[in-house]
Amino acid sequence: DLTVKSMLDYHESFYKKDCHKRRKELVEKLKL
């Protein structure tokens, strides 16, 4: 019941480190 963005946002919230830049690179590379 989540969008892909919401799922990624939720997962990103698990970590204290900033994952957003790497997440964006992967989304673009995999054409998600």
Full PDB file with SEQRES, HELIX, SHEET, SSBOND, CRYST1, ORIGX, SCALE, CONECT and MASTER records, all heavy atoms in Angstrom:
SEQRES   1 A   32  ASP LEU THR VAL LYS SER MET LEU ASP TYR HIS GLU SER          
SEQRES   2 A   32  PHE TYR LYS LYS ASP CYS HIS LYS ARG ARG LYS GLU LEU          
SEQRES   3 A   32  VAL GLU LYS LEU LYS LEU                                      
HELIX    1 AA1 VAL A    4  GLU A   12  1                                   9    
HELIX    2 AA2 HIS A   20  LEU A   30  1                                  11    
CRYST1    1.000    1.000    1.000  90.00  90.00  90.00 P 1           1          
ORIGX1      1.000000  0.000000  0.000000        0.00000                         
ORIGX2      0.000000  1.000000  0.000000        0.00000                         
ORIGX3      0.000000  0.000000  1.000000        0.00000                         
SCALE1      1.000000  0.000000  0.000000        0.00000                         
SCALE2      0.000000  1.000000  0.000000        0.00000                         
SCALE3      0.000000  0.000000  1.000000        0.00000                         
ATOM      1  N   ASP A   1       0.802  -1.220   0.000  1.00  0.00           N  
ATOM      2  CA  ASP A   1       0.000   0.000   0.000  1.00  0.00           C  
ATOM      3  C   ASP A   1       0.839   1.276   0.000  1.00  0.00           C  
ATOM      4  O   ASP A   1       0.304   2.379   0.123  1.00  0.00           O  
ATOM      5  CB  ASP A   1      -0.964   0.013   1.191  1.00  0.00           C  
ATOM      6  CG  ASP A   1      -0.244  -0.116   2.526  1.00  0.00           C  
ATOM      7  OD1 ASP A   1       0.929  -0.524   2.531  1.00  0.00           O  
ATOM      8  OD2 ASP A   1      -0.855   0.197   3.559  1.00  0.00           O  
ATOM      9  N   LEU A   2       2.158   1.144  -0.148  1.00  0.00           N  
ATOM     10  CA  LEU A   2       3.038   2.303  -0.231  1.00  0.00           C  
ATOM     11  C   LEU A   2       3.491   2.530  -1.667  1.00  0.00           C  
ATOM     12  O   LEU A   2       3.543   1.605  -2.472  1.00  0.00           O  
ATOM     13  CB  LEU A   2       4.278   2.103   0.644  1.00  0.00           C  
ATOM     14  CG  LEU A   2       4.085   2.007   2.156  1.00  0.00           C  
ATOM     15  CD1 LEU A   2       5.434   1.818   2.842  1.00  0.00           C  
ATOM     16  CD2 LEU A   2       3.372   3.232   2.712  1.00  0.00           C  
ATOM     17  N   THR A   3       3.826   3.783  -1.969  1.00  0.00           N  
ATOM     18  CA  THR A   3       4.513   4.048  -3.228  1.00  0.00           C  
ATOM     19  C   THR A   3       5.981   3.658  -3.065  1.00  0.00           C  
ATOM     20  O   THR A   3       6.475   3.477  -1.943  1.00  0.00           O  
ATOM     21  CB  THR A   3       4.436   5.530  -3.609  1.00  0.00           C  
ATOM     22  OG1 THR A   3       5.111   6.301  -2.611  1.00  0.00           O  
ATOM     23  CG2 THR A   3       2.990   6.003  -3.731  1.00  0.00           C  
ATOM     24  N   VAL A   4       6.678   3.530  -4.188  1.00  0.00           N  
ATOM     25  CA  VAL A   4       8.105   3.233  -4.139  1.00  0.00           C  
ATOM     26  C   VAL A   4       8.835   4.324  -3.345  1.00  0.00           C  
ATOM     27  O   VAL A   4       9.692   4.031  -2.511  1.00  0.00           O  
ATOM     28  CB  VAL A   4       8.690   3.128  -5.562  1.00  0.00           C  
ATOM     29  CG1 VAL A   4      10.214   3.065  -5.525  1.00  0.00           C  
ATOM     30  CG2 VAL A   4       8.117   1.912  -6.275  1.00  0.00           C  
ATOM     31  N   LYS A   5       8.459   5.582  -3.568  1.00  0.00           N  
ATOM     32  CA  LYS A   5       9.082   6.695  -2.842  1.00  0.00           C  
ATOM     33  C   LYS A   5       8.858   6.569  -1.341  1.00  0.00           C  
ATOM     34  O   LYS A   5       9.791   6.732  -0.536  1.00  0.00           O  
ATOM     35  CB  LYS A   5       8.535   8.032  -3.335  1.00  0.00           C  
ATOM     36  CG  LYS A   5       9.152   9.246  -2.624  1.00  0.00           C  
ATOM     37  CD  LYS A   5       8.561  10.551  -3.129  1.00  0.00           C  
ATOM     38  CE  LYS A   5       9.236  11.744  -2.457  1.00  0.00           C  
ATOM     39  NZ  LYS A   5       9.158  11.713  -0.976  1.00  0.00           N  
ATOM     40  N   SER A   6       7.622   6.251  -0.938  1.00  0.00           N  
ATOM     41  CA  SER A   6       7.314   6.108   0.490  1.00  0.00           C  
ATOM     42  C   SER A   6       8.091   4.952   1.101  1.00  0.00           C  
ATOM     43  O   SER A   6       8.554   5.030   2.238  1.00  0.00           O  
ATOM     44  CB  SER A   6       5.812   5.911   0.694  1.00  0.00           C  
ATOM     45  OG  SER A   6       5.092   7.035   0.250  1.00  0.00           O  
ATOM     46  N   MET A   7       8.234   3.864   0.334  1.00  0.00           N  
ATOM     47  CA  MET A   7       8.980   2.708   0.820  1.00  0.00           C  
ATOM     48  C   MET A   7      10.451   3.078   1.027  1.00  0.00           C  
ATOM     49  O   MET A   7      11.069   2.716   2.041  1.00  0.00           O  
ATOM     50  CB  MET A   7       8.853   1.572  -0.194  1.00  0.00           C  
ATOM     51  CG  MET A   7       9.443   0.237   0.250  1.00  0.00           C  
ATOM     52  SD  MET A   7       8.506  -0.573   1.557  1.00  0.00           S  
ATOM     53  CE  MET A   7       9.780  -0.733   2.798  1.00  0.00           C  
ATOM     54  N   LEU A   8      10.998   3.832   0.095  1.00  0.00           N  
ATOM     55  CA  LEU A   8      12.390   4.256   0.211  1.00  0.00           C  
ATOM     56  C   LEU A   8      12.575   5.270   1.340  1.00  0.00           C  
ATOM     57  O   LEU A   8      13.563   5.222   2.074  1.00  0.00           O  
ATOM     58  CB  LEU A   8      12.865   4.842  -1.113  1.00  0.00           C  
ATOM     59  CG  LEU A   8      13.011   3.842  -2.268  1.00  0.00           C  
ATOM     60  CD1 LEU A   8      13.282   4.571  -3.580  1.00  0.00           C  
ATOM     61  CD2 LEU A   8      14.129   2.847  -1.994  1.00  0.00           C  
ATOM     62  N   ASP A   9      11.605   6.179   1.490  1.00  0.00           N  
ATOM     63  CA  ASP A   9      11.667   7.144   2.589  1.00  0.00           C  
ATOM     64  C   ASP A   9      11.651   6.418   3.936  1.00  0.00           C  
ATOM     65  O   ASP A   9      12.413   6.759   4.849  1.00  0.00           O  
ATOM     66  CB  ASP A   9      10.468   8.103   2.536  1.00  0.00           C  
ATOM     67  CG  ASP A   9      10.557   9.096   1.384  1.00  0.00           C  
ATOM     68  OD1 ASP A   9      11.666   9.277   0.839  1.00  0.00           O  
ATOM     69  OD2 ASP A   9       9.512   9.687   1.040  1.00  0.00           O  
ATOM     70  N   TYR A  10      10.781   5.441   4.048  1.00  0.00           N  
ATOM     71  CA  TYR A  10      10.652   4.676   5.295  1.00  0.00           C  
ATOM     72  C   TYR A  10      11.963   3.953   5.611  1.00  0.00           C  
ATOM     73  O   TYR A  10      12.462   3.985   6.737  1.00  0.00           O  
ATOM     74  CB  TYR A  10       9.495   3.689   5.151  1.00  0.00           C  
ATOM     75  CG  TYR A  10       9.260   2.798   6.356  1.00  0.00           C  
ATOM     76  CD1 TYR A  10       9.076   3.339   7.619  1.00  0.00           C  
ATOM     77  CD2 TYR A  10       9.211   1.417   6.214  1.00  0.00           C  
ATOM     78  CE1 TYR A  10       8.855   2.528   8.726  1.00  0.00           C  
ATOM     79  CE2 TYR A  10       8.992   0.592   7.306  1.00  0.00           C  
ATOM     80  CZ  TYR A  10       8.821   1.150   8.559  1.00  0.00           C  
ATOM     81  OH  TYR A  10       8.615   0.341   9.648  1.00  0.00           O  
ATOM     82  N   HIS A  11      12.533   3.322   4.594  1.00  0.00           N  
ATOM     83  CA  HIS A  11      13.785   2.595   4.794  1.00  0.00           C  
ATOM     84  C   HIS A  11      14.923   3.560   5.141  1.00  0.00           C  
ATOM     85  O   HIS A  11      15.756   3.262   6.011  1.00  0.00           O  
ATOM     86  CB  HIS A  11      14.131   1.814   3.521  1.00  0.00           C  
ATOM     87  CG  HIS A  11      15.246   0.839   3.682  1.00  0.00           C  
ATOM     88  ND1 HIS A  11      15.096  -0.375   4.300  1.00  0.00           N  
ATOM     89  CD2 HIS A  11      16.562   0.907   3.305  1.00  0.00           C  
ATOM     90  CE1 HIS A  11      16.253  -1.025   4.307  1.00  0.00           C  
ATOM     91  NE2 HIS A  11      17.157  -0.273   3.708  1.00  0.00           N  
ATOM     92  N   GLU A  12      14.942   4.697   4.497  1.00  0.00           N  
ATOM     93  CA  GLU A  12      15.990   5.689   4.756  1.00  0.00           C  
ATOM     94  C   GLU A  12      15.956   6.180   6.199  1.00  0.00           C  
ATOM     95  O   GLU A  12      16.994   6.497   6.791  1.00  0.00           O  
ATOM     96  CB  GLU A  12      15.805   6.867   3.796  1.00  0.00           C  
ATOM     97  CG  GLU A  12      16.961   7.825   3.743  1.00  0.00           C  
ATOM     98  CD  GLU A  12      16.783   8.894   2.676  1.00  0.00           C  
ATOM     99  OE1 GLU A  12      16.250   8.578   1.584  1.00  0.00           O  
ATOM    100  OE2 GLU A  12      17.186  10.047   2.932  1.00  0.00           O  
ATOM    101  N   SER A  13      14.764   6.198   6.781  1.00  0.00           N  
ATOM    102  CA  SER A  13      14.607   6.686   8.160  1.00  0.00           C  
ATOM    103  C   SER A  13      15.245   5.760   9.194  1.00  0.00           C  
ATOM    104  O   SER A  13      15.419   6.152  10.345  1.00  0.00           O  
ATOM    105  CB  SER A  13      13.119   6.875   8.485  1.00  0.00           C  
ATOM    106  OG  SER A  13      12.455   5.616   8.608  1.00  0.00           O  
ATOM    107  N   PHE A  14      15.580   4.536   8.800  1.00  0.00           N  
ATOM    108  CA  PHE A  14      16.196   3.587   9.741  1.00  0.00           C  
ATOM    109  C   PHE A  14      17.622   3.994  10.119  1.00  0.00           C  
ATOM    110  O   PHE A  14      18.141   3.547  11.139  1.00  0.00           O  
ATOM    111  CB  PHE A  14      16.263   2.180   9.135  1.00  0.00           C  
ATOM    112  CG  PHE A  14      14.924   1.556   8.831  1.00  0.00           C  
ATOM    113  CD1 PHE A  14      14.850   0.467   7.964  1.00  0.00           C  
ATOM    114  CD2 PHE A  14      13.754   2.031   9.392  1.00  0.00           C  
ATOM    115  CE1 PHE A  14      13.636  -0.127   7.675  1.00  0.00           C  
ATOM    116  CE2 PHE A  14      12.537   1.441   9.111  1.00  0.00           C  
ATOM    117  CZ  PHE A  14      12.470   0.363   8.247  1.00  0.00           C  
ATOM    118  N   TYR A  15      18.269   4.796   9.282  1.00  0.00           N  
ATOM    119  CA  TYR A  15      19.696   5.039   9.429  1.00  0.00           C  
ATOM    120  C   TYR A  15      19.990   6.466   9.883  1.00  0.00           C  
ATOM    121  O   TYR A  15      19.349   7.417   9.429  1.00  0.00           O  
ATOM    122  CB  TYR A  15      20.414   4.753   8.102  1.00  0.00           C  
ATOM    123  CG  TYR A  15      20.181   3.341   7.622  1.00  0.00           C  
ATOM    124  CD1 TYR A  15      19.202   3.058   6.667  1.00  0.00           C  
ATOM    125  CD2 TYR A  15      20.912   2.279   8.150  1.00  0.00           C  
ATOM    126  CE1 TYR A  15      18.970   1.751   6.249  1.00  0.00           C  
ATOM    127  CE2 TYR A  15      20.688   0.973   7.726  1.00  0.00           C  
ATOM    128  CZ  TYR A  15      19.713   0.723   6.785  1.00  0.00           C  
ATOM    129  OH  TYR A  15      19.475  -0.566   6.379  1.00  0.00           O  
ATOM    130  N   LYS A  16      20.985   6.591  10.739  1.00  0.00           N  
ATOM    131  CA  LYS A  16      21.410   7.913  11.204  1.00  0.00           C  
ATOM    132  C   LYS A  16      22.197   8.632  10.113  1.00  0.00           C  
ATOM    133  O   LYS A  16      22.159   9.861  10.020  1.00  0.00           O  
ATOM    134  CB  LYS A  16      22.268   7.769  12.465  1.00  0.00           C  
ATOM    135  CG  LYS A  16      21.495   7.252  13.672  1.00  0.00           C  
ATOM    136  CD  LYS A  16      22.399   7.109  14.885  1.00  0.00           C  
ATOM    137  CE  LYS A  16      21.620   6.538  16.076  1.00  0.00           C  
ATOM    138  NZ  LYS A  16      22.486   6.351  17.268  1.00  0.00           N  
ATOM    139  N   LYS A  17      22.918   7.879   9.289  1.00  0.00           N  
ATOM    140  CA  LYS A  17      23.703   8.480   8.214  1.00  0.00           C  
ATOM    141  C   LYS A  17      22.794   8.968   7.096  1.00  0.00           C  
ATOM    142  O   LYS A  17      21.659   8.477   6.924  1.00  0.00           O  
ATOM    143  CB  LYS A  17      24.727   7.481   7.677  1.00  0.00           C  
ATOM    144  CG  LYS A  17      24.103   6.292   6.972  1.00  0.00           C  
ATOM    145  CD  LYS A  17      25.153   5.285   6.530  1.00  0.00           C  
ATOM    146  CE  LYS A  17      26.035   5.818   5.455  1.00  0.00           C  
ATOM    147  NZ  LYS A  17      26.981   4.804   4.921  1.00  0.00           N  
ATOM    148  N   ASP A  18      23.260   9.893   6.325  1.00  0.00           N  
ATOM    149  CA  ASP A  18      22.492  10.437   5.206  1.00  0.00           C  
ATOM    150  C   ASP A  18      22.631   9.500   4.003  1.00  0.00           C  
ATOM    151  O   ASP A  18      23.705   9.373   3.411  1.00  0.00           O  
ATOM    152  CB  ASP A  18      23.004  11.835   4.851  1.00  0.00           C  
ATOM    153  CG  ASP A  18      22.161  12.511   3.780  1.00  0.00           C  
ATOM    154  OD1 ASP A  18      21.210  11.875   3.281  1.00  0.00           O  
ATOM    155  OD2 ASP A  18      22.459  13.668   3.434  1.00  0.00           O  
ATOM    156  N   CYS A  19      21.540   8.822   3.655  1.00  0.00           N  
ATOM    157  CA  CYS A  19      21.550   7.848   2.552  1.00  0.00           C  
ATOM    158  C   CYS A  19      20.960   8.434   1.270  1.00  0.00           C  
ATOM    159  O   CYS A  19      20.903   7.728   0.250  1.00  0.00           O  
ATOM    160  CB  CYS A  19      20.725   6.614   2.930  1.00  0.00           C  
ATOM    161  SG  CYS A  19      21.191   5.823   4.463  1.00  0.00           S  
ATOM    162  N   HIS A  20      20.508   9.672   1.322  1.00  0.00           N  
ATOM    163  CA  HIS A  20      19.674  10.171   0.230  1.00  0.00           C  
ATOM    164  C   HIS A  20      20.437  10.286  -1.089  1.00  0.00           C  
ATOM    165  O   HIS A  20      19.900   9.941  -2.159  1.00  0.00           O  
ATOM    166  CB  HIS A  20      19.062  11.527   0.598  1.00  0.00           C  
ATOM    167  CG  HIS A  20      17.930  11.908  -0.300  1.00  0.00           C  
ATOM    168  ND1 HIS A  20      16.685  11.318  -0.225  1.00  0.00           N  
ATOM    169  CD2 HIS A  20      17.863  12.800  -1.333  1.00  0.00           C  
ATOM    170  CE1 HIS A  20      15.887  11.831  -1.141  1.00  0.00           C  
ATOM    171  NE2 HIS A  20      16.583  12.734  -1.838  1.00  0.00           N  
ATOM    172  N   LYS A  21      21.687  10.748  -1.028  1.00  0.00           N  
ATOM    173  CA  LYS A  21      22.461  10.908  -2.262  1.00  0.00           C  
ATOM    174  C   LYS A  21      22.662   9.558  -2.942  1.00  0.00           C  
ATOM    175  O   LYS A  21      22.463   9.428  -4.160  1.00  0.00           O  
ATOM    176  CB  LYS A  21      23.803  11.556  -1.957  1.00  0.00           C  
ATOM    177  CG  LYS A  21      24.665  11.763  -3.199  1.00  0.00           C  
ATOM    178  CD  LYS A  21      26.015  12.377  -2.846  1.00  0.00           C  
ATOM    179  CE  LYS A  21      26.881  12.509  -4.096  1.00  0.00           C  
ATOM    180  NZ  LYS A  21      28.227  13.061  -3.770  1.00  0.00           N  
ATOM    181  N   ARG A  22      23.051   8.550  -2.165  1.00  0.00           N  
ATOM    182  CA  ARG A  22      23.274   7.217  -2.732  1.00  0.00           C  
ATOM    183  C   ARG A  22      21.970   6.630  -3.238  1.00  0.00           C  
ATOM    184  O   ARG A  22      21.943   6.001  -4.301  1.00  0.00           O  
ATOM    185  CB  ARG A  22      23.900   6.296  -1.677  1.00  0.00           C  
ATOM    186  CG  ARG A  22      24.253   4.902  -2.189  1.00  0.00           C  
ATOM    187  CD  ARG A  22      25.159   4.962  -3.390  1.00  0.00           C  
ATOM    188  NE  ARG A  22      25.616   3.634  -3.799  1.00  0.00           N  
ATOM    189  CZ  ARG A  22      26.064   3.367  -5.019  1.00  0.00           C  
ATOM    190  NH1 ARG A  22      26.116   4.322  -5.941  1.00  0.00           N  
ATOM    191  NH2 ARG A  22      26.467   2.140  -5.319  1.00  0.00           N  
ATOM    192  N   ARG A  23      20.907   6.833  -2.508  1.00  0.00           N  
ATOM    193  CA  ARG A  23      19.585   6.364  -2.947  1.00  0.00           C  
ATOM    194  C   ARG A  23      19.231   6.958  -4.308  1.00  0.00           C  
ATOM    195  O   ARG A  23      18.785   6.233  -5.211  1.00  0.00           O  
ATOM    196  CB  ARG A  23      18.540   6.756  -1.907  1.00  0.00           C  
ATOM    197  CG  ARG A  23      17.103   6.721  -2.415  1.00  0.00           C  
ATOM    198  CD  ARG A  23      16.156   7.286  -1.398  1.00  0.00           C  
ATOM    199  NE  ARG A  23      14.875   7.654  -1.978  1.00  0.00           N  
ATOM    200  CZ  ARG A  23      13.830   8.137  -1.283  1.00  0.00           C  
ATOM    201  NH1 ARG A  23      13.935   8.287   0.036  1.00  0.00           N  
ATOM    202  NH2 ARG A  23      12.708   8.467  -1.890  1.00  0.00           N  
ATOM    203  N   LYS A  24      19.432   8.243  -4.472  1.00  0.00           N  
ATOM    204  CA  LYS A  24      19.089   8.910  -5.728  1.00  0.00           C  
ATOM    205  C   LYS A  24      19.919   8.356  -6.883  1.00  0.00           C  
ATOM    206  O   LYS A  24      19.403   8.119  -7.981  1.00  0.00           O  
ATOM    207  CB  LYS A  24      19.322  10.418  -5.584  1.00  0.00           C  
ATOM    208  CG  LYS A  24      18.873  11.229  -6.789  1.00  0.00           C  
ATOM    209  CD  LYS A  24      19.062  12.717  -6.549  1.00  0.00           C  
ATOM    210  CE  LYS A  24      18.614  13.519  -7.778  1.00  0.00           C  
ATOM    211  NZ  LYS A  24      18.822  14.977  -7.571  1.00  0.00           N  
ATOM    212  N   GLU A  25      21.219   8.109  -6.629  1.00  0.00           N  
ATOM    213  CA  GLU A  25      22.099   7.544  -7.663  1.00  0.00           C  
ATOM    214  C   GLU A  25      21.599   6.174  -8.110  1.00  0.00           C  
ATOM    215  O   GLU A  25      21.567   5.871  -9.312  1.00  0.00           O  
ATOM    216  CB  GLU A  25      23.515   7.412  -7.120  1.00  0.00           C  
ATOM    217  CG  GLU A  25      24.238   8.723  -6.879  1.00  0.00           C  
ATOM    218  CD  GLU A  25      25.559   8.543  -6.161  1.00  0.00           C  
ATOM    219  OE1 GLU A  25      25.857   7.412  -5.717  1.00  0.00           O  
ATOM    220  OE2 GLU A  25      26.295   9.537  -6.033  1.00  0.00           O  
ATOM    221  N   LEU A  26      21.206   5.356  -7.149  1.00  0.00           N  
ATOM    222  CA  LEU A  26      20.753   4.003  -7.456  1.00  0.00           C  
ATOM    223  C   LEU A  26      19.430   4.015  -8.218  1.00  0.00           C  
ATOM    224  O   LEU A  26      19.244   3.245  -9.170  1.00  0.00           O  
ATOM    225  CB  LEU A  26      20.611   3.197  -6.165  1.00  0.00           C  
ATOM    226  CG  LEU A  26      21.925   2.847  -5.457  1.00  0.00           C  
ATOM    227  CD1 LEU A  26      21.661   2.417  -4.020  1.00  0.00           C  
ATOM    228  CD2 LEU A  26      22.670   1.755  -6.210  1.00  0.00           C  
ATOM    229  N   VAL A  27      18.506   4.875  -7.809  1.00  0.00           N  
ATOM    230  CA  VAL A  27      17.202   4.980  -8.478  1.00  0.00           C  
ATOM    231  C   VAL A  27      17.401   5.368  -9.943  1.00  0.00           C  
ATOM    232  O   VAL A  27      16.767   4.804 -10.847  1.00  0.00           O  
ATOM    233  CB  VAL A  27      16.298   5.995  -7.753  1.00  0.00           C  
ATOM    234  CG1 VAL A  27      15.092   6.368  -8.617  1.00  0.00           C  
ATOM    235  CG2 VAL A  27      15.832   5.427  -6.420  1.00  0.00           C  
ATOM    236  N   GLU A  28      18.316   6.309 -10.195  1.00  0.00           N  
ATOM    237  CA  GLU A  28      18.575   6.747 -11.567  1.00  0.00           C  
ATOM    238  C   GLU A  28      19.269   5.654 -12.370  1.00  0.00           C  
ATOM    239  O   GLU A  28      18.913   5.395 -13.529  1.00  0.00           O  
ATOM    240  CB  GLU A  28      19.425   8.017 -11.544  1.00  0.00           C  
ATOM    241  CG  GLU A  28      18.672   9.237 -11.022  1.00  0.00           C  
ATOM    242  CD  GLU A  28      19.558  10.477 -10.941  1.00  0.00           C  
ATOM    243  OE1 GLU A  28      20.773  10.372 -11.249  1.00  0.00           O  
ATOM    244  OE2 GLU A  28      19.033  11.539 -10.566  1.00  0.00           O  
ATOM    245  N   LYS A  29      20.241   4.989 -11.757  1.00  0.00           N  
ATOM    246  CA  LYS A  29      20.995   3.945 -12.455  1.00  0.00           C  
ATOM    247  C   LYS A  29      20.094   2.778 -12.855  1.00  0.00           C  
ATOM    248  O   LYS A  29      20.221   2.209 -13.940  1.00  0.00           O  
ATOM    249  CB  LYS A  29      22.137   3.450 -11.572  1.00  0.00           C  
ATOM    250  CG  LYS A  29      23.110   2.499 -12.244  1.00  0.00           C  
ATOM    251  CD  LYS A  29      24.200   2.045 -11.303  1.00  0.00           C  
ATOM    252  CE  LYS A  29      25.165   3.130 -10.977  1.00  0.00           C  
ATOM    253  NZ  LYS A  29      26.139   3.385 -12.070  1.00  0.00           N  
ATOM    254  N   LEU A  30      19.166   2.420 -11.965  1.00  0.00           N  
ATOM    255  CA  LEU A  30      18.292   1.274 -12.198  1.00  0.00           C  
ATOM    256  C   LEU A  30      16.986   1.654 -12.892  1.00  0.00           C  
ATOM    257  O   LEU A  30      16.148   0.792 -13.146  1.00  0.00           O  
ATOM    258  CB  LEU A  30      17.993   0.579 -10.869  1.00  0.00           C  
ATOM    259  CG  LEU A  30      19.198  -0.052 -10.175  1.00  0.00           C  
ATOM    260  CD1 LEU A  30      18.850  -0.475  -8.751  1.00  0.00           C  
ATOM    261  CD2 LEU A  30      19.707  -1.251 -10.960  1.00  0.00           C  
ATOM    262  N   LYS A  31      16.810   2.964 -13.161  1.00  0.00           N  
ATOM    263  CA  LYS A  31      15.611   3.453 -13.843  1.00  0.00           C  
ATOM    264  C   LYS A  31      14.340   2.999 -13.114  1.00  0.00           C  
ATOM    265  O   LYS A  31      13.418   2.412 -13.698  1.00  0.00           O  
ATOM    266  CB  LYS A  31      15.588   2.986 -15.299  1.00  0.00           C  
ATOM    267  CG  LYS A  31      16.731   3.545 -16.133  1.00  0.00           C  
ATOM    268  CD  LYS A  31      16.666   3.072 -17.579  1.00  0.00           C  
ATOM    269  CE  LYS A  31      17.661   3.789 -18.461  1.00  0.00           C  
ATOM    270  NZ  LYS A  31      19.051   3.704 -18.008  1.00  0.00           N  
ATOM    271  N   LEU A  32      14.287   3.311 -11.825  1.00  0.00           N  
ATOM    272  CA  LEU A  32      13.162   2.924 -10.970  1.00  0.00           C  
ATOM    273  C   LEU A  32      12.198   4.089 -10.831  1.00  0.00           C  
ATOM    274  O   LEU A  32      12.592   5.204 -10.489  1.00  0.00           O  
ATOM    275  CB  LEU A  32      13.689   2.505  -9.593  1.00  0.00           C  
ATOM    276  CG  LEU A  32      12.689   1.956  -8.587  1.00  0.00           C  
ATOM    277  CD1 LEU A  32      12.026   0.676  -9.110  1.00  0.00           C  
ATOM    278  CD2 LEU A  32      13.377   1.679  -7.252  1.00  0.00           C  
TER     279      LEU A  32                                                      
MASTER        0    0    0    2    0    0    0    6  278    1    0    3          
END                                                                             
